[in-house]
Each structure stands twice: as C-alpha cells, then as structure tokens.
C-alpha atoms as a PDB file:
ATOM      1  CA  MET A   1     116.039  42.667  40.974  1.00  0.00           C
ATOM      2  CA  GLN A   2     116.007  39.652  43.622  1.00  0.00           C
ATOM      3  CA  ILE A   3     112.692  39.041  45.925  1.00  0.00           C
ATOM      4  CA  GLN A   4     112.109  37.535  49.104  1.00  0.00           C
ATOM      5  CA  VAL A   5     109.669  36.976  51.071  1.00  0.00           C
ATOM      6  CA  HIS A   6     110.101  36.610  55.023  1.00  0.00           C
ATOM      7  CA  SER A   7     106.478  35.183  57.100  1.00  0.00           C
ATOM      8  CA  ASP A   8     105.977  35.192  61.145  1.00  0.00           C
ATOM      9  CA  ASN A   9     104.418  32.637  62.335  1.00  0.00           C
ATOM     10  CA  ARG A  10     101.171  33.106  62.569  1.00  0.00           C
ATOM     11  CA  ILE A  11     100.720  33.226  58.903  1.00  0.00           C
ATOM     12  CA  ASP A  12     101.256  29.742  57.152  1.00  0.00           C
ATOM     13  CA  GLY A  13     104.609  30.642  55.213  1.00  0.00           C
ATOM     14  CA  SER A  14     104.598  28.015  52.572  1.00  0.00           C
ATOM     15  CA  ALA A  15     106.227  27.168  49.300  1.00  0.00           C
ATOM     16  CA  ARG A  16     102.875  28.801  47.490  1.00  0.00           C
ATOM     17  CA  LEU A  17     102.149  31.350  48.958  1.00  0.00           C
ATOM     18  CA  ALA A  18     105.805  32.243  48.219  1.00  0.00           C
ATOM     19  CA  ASP A  19     106.065  31.909  44.394  1.00  0.00           C
ATOM     20  CA  TRP A  20     101.976  33.939  44.802  1.00  0.00           C
ATOM     21  CA  VAL A  21     103.553  37.289  45.979  1.00  0.00           C
ATOM     22  CA  THR A  22     106.557  36.631  44.418  1.00  0.00           C
ATOM     23  CA  ALA A  23     104.414  36.138  41.008  1.00  0.00           C
ATOM     24  CA  SER A  24     102.787  39.314  42.133  1.00  0.00           C
ATOM     25  CA  VAL A  25     105.469  41.633  43.040  1.00  0.00           C
ATOM     26  CA  SER A  26     107.238  41.194  39.973  1.00  0.00           C
ATOM     27  CA  ASN A  27     103.948  40.796  37.080  1.00  0.00           C
ATOM     28  CA  LYS A  28     103.449  44.719  38.821  1.00  0.00           C
ATOM     29  CA  VAL A  29     106.240  46.321  39.723  1.00  0.00           C
ATOM     30  CA  GLY A  30     107.800  44.074  37.163  1.00  0.00           C
ATOM     31  CA  ARG A  31     109.226  46.897  35.110  1.00  0.00           C
ATOM     32  CA  PHE A  32     112.141  48.305  36.914  1.00  0.00           C
ATOM     33  CA  ASP A  33     113.742  45.481  37.399  1.00  0.00           C
ATOM     34  CA  GLY A  34     116.828  46.894  36.038  1.00  0.00           C
ATOM     35  CA  GLU A  35     116.780  49.977  38.725  1.00  0.00           C
ATOM     36  CA  LEU A  36     116.145  47.723  41.485  1.00  0.00           C
ATOM     37  CA  THR A  37     118.918  45.016  43.756  1.00  0.00           C
ATOM     38  CA  ARG A  38     116.360  43.752  46.062  1.00  0.00           C
ATOM     39  CA  ILE A  39     112.556  43.710  47.220  1.00  0.00           C
ATOM     40  CA  THR A  40     111.619  42.016  50.866  1.00  0.00           C
ATOM     41  CA  VAL A  41     108.142  40.933  51.935  1.00  0.00           C
ATOM     42  CA  HIS A  42     107.208  40.773  55.345  1.00  0.00           C
ATOM     43  CA  ILE A  43     103.870  38.950  55.924  1.00  0.00           C
ATOM     44  CA  SER A  44     102.039  39.635  59.040  1.00  0.00           C
ATOM     45  CA  ASP A  45      99.418  38.934  61.792  1.00  0.00           C
ATOM     46  CA  GLU A  46      99.802  41.410  63.920  1.00  0.00           C
ATOM     47  CA  ASN A  47      96.691  40.138  66.883  1.00  0.00           C
ATOM     48  CA  GLY A  48      98.234  36.527  66.455  1.00  0.00           C
ATOM     49  CA  GLU A  49      95.083  34.003  67.154  1.00  0.00           C
ATOM     50  CA  LYS A  50      92.218  37.128  67.534  1.00  0.00           C
ATOM     51  CA  ALA A  51      90.198  37.081  65.882  1.00  0.00           C
ATOM     52  CA  GLY A  52      90.297  41.074  64.299  1.00  0.00           C
ATOM     53  CA  ALA A  53      89.432  43.034  61.499  1.00  0.00           C
ATOM     54  CA  GLN A  54      92.862  44.454  59.166  1.00  0.00           C
ATOM     55  CA  ASP A  55      94.769  42.406  61.559  1.00  0.00           C
ATOM     56  CA  LYS A  56      96.970  41.009  58.561  1.00  0.00           C
ATOM     57  CA  ARG A  57     100.083  43.092  57.741  1.00  0.00           C
ATOM     58  CA  CYS A  58     102.708  43.389  54.184  1.00  0.00           C
ATOM     59  CA  GLN A  59     105.292  44.880  54.598  1.00  0.00           C
ATOM     60  CA  ILE A  60     107.483  45.732  51.644  1.00  0.00           C
ATOM     61  CA  GLU A  61     111.439  46.730  51.332  1.00  0.00           C
ATOM     62  CA  ALA A  62     112.775  47.805  47.347  1.00  0.00           C
ATOM     63  CA  ARG A  63     116.476  48.424  47.597  1.00  0.00           C
ATOM     64  CA  PRO A  64     116.849  50.964  44.276  1.00  0.00           C
ATOM     65  CA  ARG A  65     120.319  51.450  42.965  1.00  0.00           C
ATOM     66  CA  GLY A  66     121.963  54.065  44.233  1.00  0.00           C
ATOM     67  CA  GLN A  67     118.794  55.507  46.400  1.00  0.00           C
ATOM     68  CA  ALA A  68     117.907  54.945  49.854  1.00  0.00           C
ATOM     69  CA  PRO A  69     115.319  51.957  49.749  1.00  0.00           C
ATOM     70  CA  ILE A  70     111.315  53.103  50.217  1.00  0.00           C
ATOM     71  CA  SER A  71     109.574  50.879  52.234  1.00  0.00           C
ATOM     72  CA  VAL A  72     105.708  50.958  52.699  1.00  0.00           C
ATOM     73  CA  SER A  73     102.772  48.257  54.081  1.00  0.00           C
ATOM     74  CA  HIS A  74      99.794  47.466  54.188  1.00  0.00           C
ATOM     75  CA  LYS A  75      96.502  46.838  56.415  1.00  0.00           C
ATOM     76  CA  ALA A  76      94.028  44.067  55.984  1.00  0.00           C
ATOM     77  CA  ASP A  77      92.086  41.319  56.796  1.00  0.00           C
ATOM     78  CA  SER A  78      93.403  38.588  55.184  1.00  0.00           C
ATOM     79  CA  VAL A  79      96.971  38.079  53.417  1.00  0.00           C
ATOM     80  CA  ASN A  80      95.955  38.141  49.987  1.00  0.00           C
ATOM     81  CA  LEU A  81      94.456  41.544  50.278  1.00  0.00           C
ATOM     82  CA  ALA A  82      97.570  43.064  52.692  1.00  0.00           C
ATOM     83  CA  VAL A  83      99.784  41.443  50.016  1.00  0.00           C
ATOM     84  CA  ASP A  84      98.092  43.816  47.081  1.00  0.00           C
ATOM     85  CA  GLY A  85      97.182  46.118  48.566  1.00  0.00           C
ATOM     86  CA  ALA A  86     101.295  47.329  49.664  1.00  0.00           C
ATOM     87  CA  ILE A  87     101.605  45.498  46.149  1.00  0.00           C
ATOM     88  CA  GLU A  88      99.948  48.471  45.088  1.00  0.00           C
ATOM     89  CA  LYS A  89     101.474  51.290  46.940  1.00  0.00           C
ATOM     90  CA  LEU A  90     105.203  50.474  46.233  1.00  0.00           C
ATOM     91  CA  HIS A  91     104.123  50.866  42.250  1.00  0.00           C
ATOM     92  CA  ALA A  92     103.206  53.634  43.397  1.00  0.00           C
ATOM     93  CA  ALA A  93     105.733  55.009  45.326  1.00  0.00           C
ATOM     94  CA  LEU A  94     108.541  53.728  42.229  1.00  0.00           C
ATOM     95  CA  THR A  95     106.827  55.248  40.013  1.00  0.00           C
ATOM     96  CA  SER A  96     107.182  58.316  42.049  1.00  0.00           C
ATOM     97  CA  LEU A  97     110.978  57.779  42.935  1.00  0.00           C
ATOM     98  CA  PHE A  98     112.031  57.071  38.898  1.00  0.00           C
ATOM     99  CA  GLY A  99     109.705  59.835  37.223  1.00  0.00           C
ATOM    100  CA  LYS A 100     110.844  62.150  39.254  1.00  0.00           C
ATOM    101  CA  LEU A 101     114.914  61.204  38.449  1.00  0.00           C
ATOM    102  CA  ARG A 102     114.047  60.326  34.452  1.00  0.00           C
ATOM    103  CA  SER A 103     112.197  63.735  34.871  1.00  0.00           C
ATOM    104  CA  LYS A 104     115.496  65.893  36.481  1.00  0.00           C
ATOM    105  CA  ARG A 105     118.236  63.778  33.880  1.00  0.00           C
ATOM    106  CA  ALA A 106     115.704  65.577  31.544  1.00  0.00           C
ATOM    107  CA  THR A 107     116.573  68.861  31.688  1.00  0.00           C
ATOM    108  CA  PRO A 108     119.264  69.950  30.955  1.00  0.00           C
ATOM    109  CA  GLN A 109     121.806  71.510  32.980  1.00  0.00           C
ATOM    110  CA  MET A 110     122.853  74.961  31.798  1.00  0.00           C
ATOM    111  CA  ALA A 111     126.953  75.005  31.154  1.00  0.00           C
ATOM    112  CA  PRO A 112     129.123  78.236  32.587  1.00  0.00           C
ATOM    113  CA  ALA A 113     130.371  80.034  29.605  1.00  0.00           C
ATOM    114  CA  THR A 114     133.864  78.428  29.391  1.00  0.00           C
ATOM    115  CA  THR A 115     134.832  81.306  26.789  1.00  0.00           C
ATOM    116  CA  ASP A 116     138.642  83.227  27.270  1.00  0.00           C
ATOM    117  CA  PRO A 117     139.137  86.395  28.724  1.00  0.00           C
ATOM    118  CA  ASP A 118     140.787  87.398  24.962  1.00  0.00           C
ATOM    119  CA  ARG A 119     137.166  86.268  23.181  1.00  0.00           C
ATOM    120  CA  GLN A 120     135.572  87.941  25.781  1.00  0.00           C
ATOM    121  CA  ASP A 121     136.459  91.498  26.138  1.00  0.00           C
ATOM    122  CA  GLU A 122     135.799  91.270  21.837  1.00  0.00           C
ATOM    123  CA  LEU A 123     132.232  90.929  22.110  1.00  0.00           C
ATOM    124  CA  LEU A 124     132.663  93.729  25.282  1.00  0.00           C
ATOM    125  CA  GLU A 125     133.526  95.932  23.244  1.00  0.00           C
ATOM    126  CA  GLU A 126     131.867  94.838  19.813  1.00  0.00           C
ATOM    127  CA  ASP A 127     128.309  95.209  22.231  1.00  0.00           C
ATOM    128  CA  LEU A 128     130.022  98.760  23.344  1.00  0.00           C
ATOM    129  CA  ASP A 129     130.813 100.220  19.820  1.00  0.00           C
ATOM    130  CA  THR A 130     127.064  98.729  18.847  1.00  0.00           C
ATOM    131  CA  GLU A 131     125.359 100.418  21.972  1.00  0.00           C
ATOM    132  CA  GLU A 132     127.318 104.141  20.927  1.00  0.00           C
ATOM    133  CA  GLN A 133     126.247 103.554  17.876  1.00  0.00           C
ATOM    134  CA  VAL A 134     122.842 103.633  18.392  1.00  0.00           C
ATOM    135  CA  ARG A 135     123.385 107.097  21.395  1.00  0.00           C
ATOM    136  CA  GLY A 136     124.504 108.686  18.364  1.00  0.00           C
ATOM    137  CA  ILE A 137     128.399 109.046  19.891  1.00  0.00           C
END
C-alpha cells in the first residue's frame, strides 16, 4: 500500500508531518494493507491567513483493489485533529466495505441443479408413484 501526503501552500508540509501522517494511517488501516493499492492524504487550511474555527481540513482517498475509491474528510481546529478525525472515518468506511464484501463471499450461492433429463424423469415418476400410493390409487 502506497501512502502519499500532500498539503497546500498554507500548511507546513515538512517531512516530519508527512512521516507522522504516514505512520498514523499505517497504524490505523494497516490491516487492510493487502486490499488497498494507494492512500492519498490532502491537508489544507481553508481560511488561509485568517483565523477561524475548524479551518483545517484533511481529505483522505483510499483505493481498494477492484472497488470504487473511498473518500472521507474531516475539519478541525488543528492539523492533528483533522488528520486523526479523517483517519477514524476512513477506518470505519473500510471496515464497513470489507465487512460487506466478506459477508457476500461467505454466503454460498446456490448453483442451479444440473441433473440430466433422464434422471429428472425417473425422479418425477418416483414422486408420482409415491403420491398414488398415498392416495390409494
């Protein structure tokens, strides 16, 4: 699983931030490692220089193998809270997705009966004979 971290020009996109985000994502969704191809993290400051409540935003896009991409986002007062919130949402979304897929795989699909026509005739005759015996014909 490849993890990419991007930040806008108003967020200090240091190597330390990228390492922390990568480690946090890996710790939380590492169990899905074999089922994901890539995770992209975008961190932005929506108000720029201005102060404001919940102006830090983290959007995470995960790409499960053979499935549509999953995107979650979280806004908070700090970058750390925004990243942590988005990671929690991603974990919940992936748990739900893969749980549903596993339950579909676990449910056996009934295959249509492939009995040859002669055997079907024999079975129908046996049923008819049994029914006639019960009726006393």
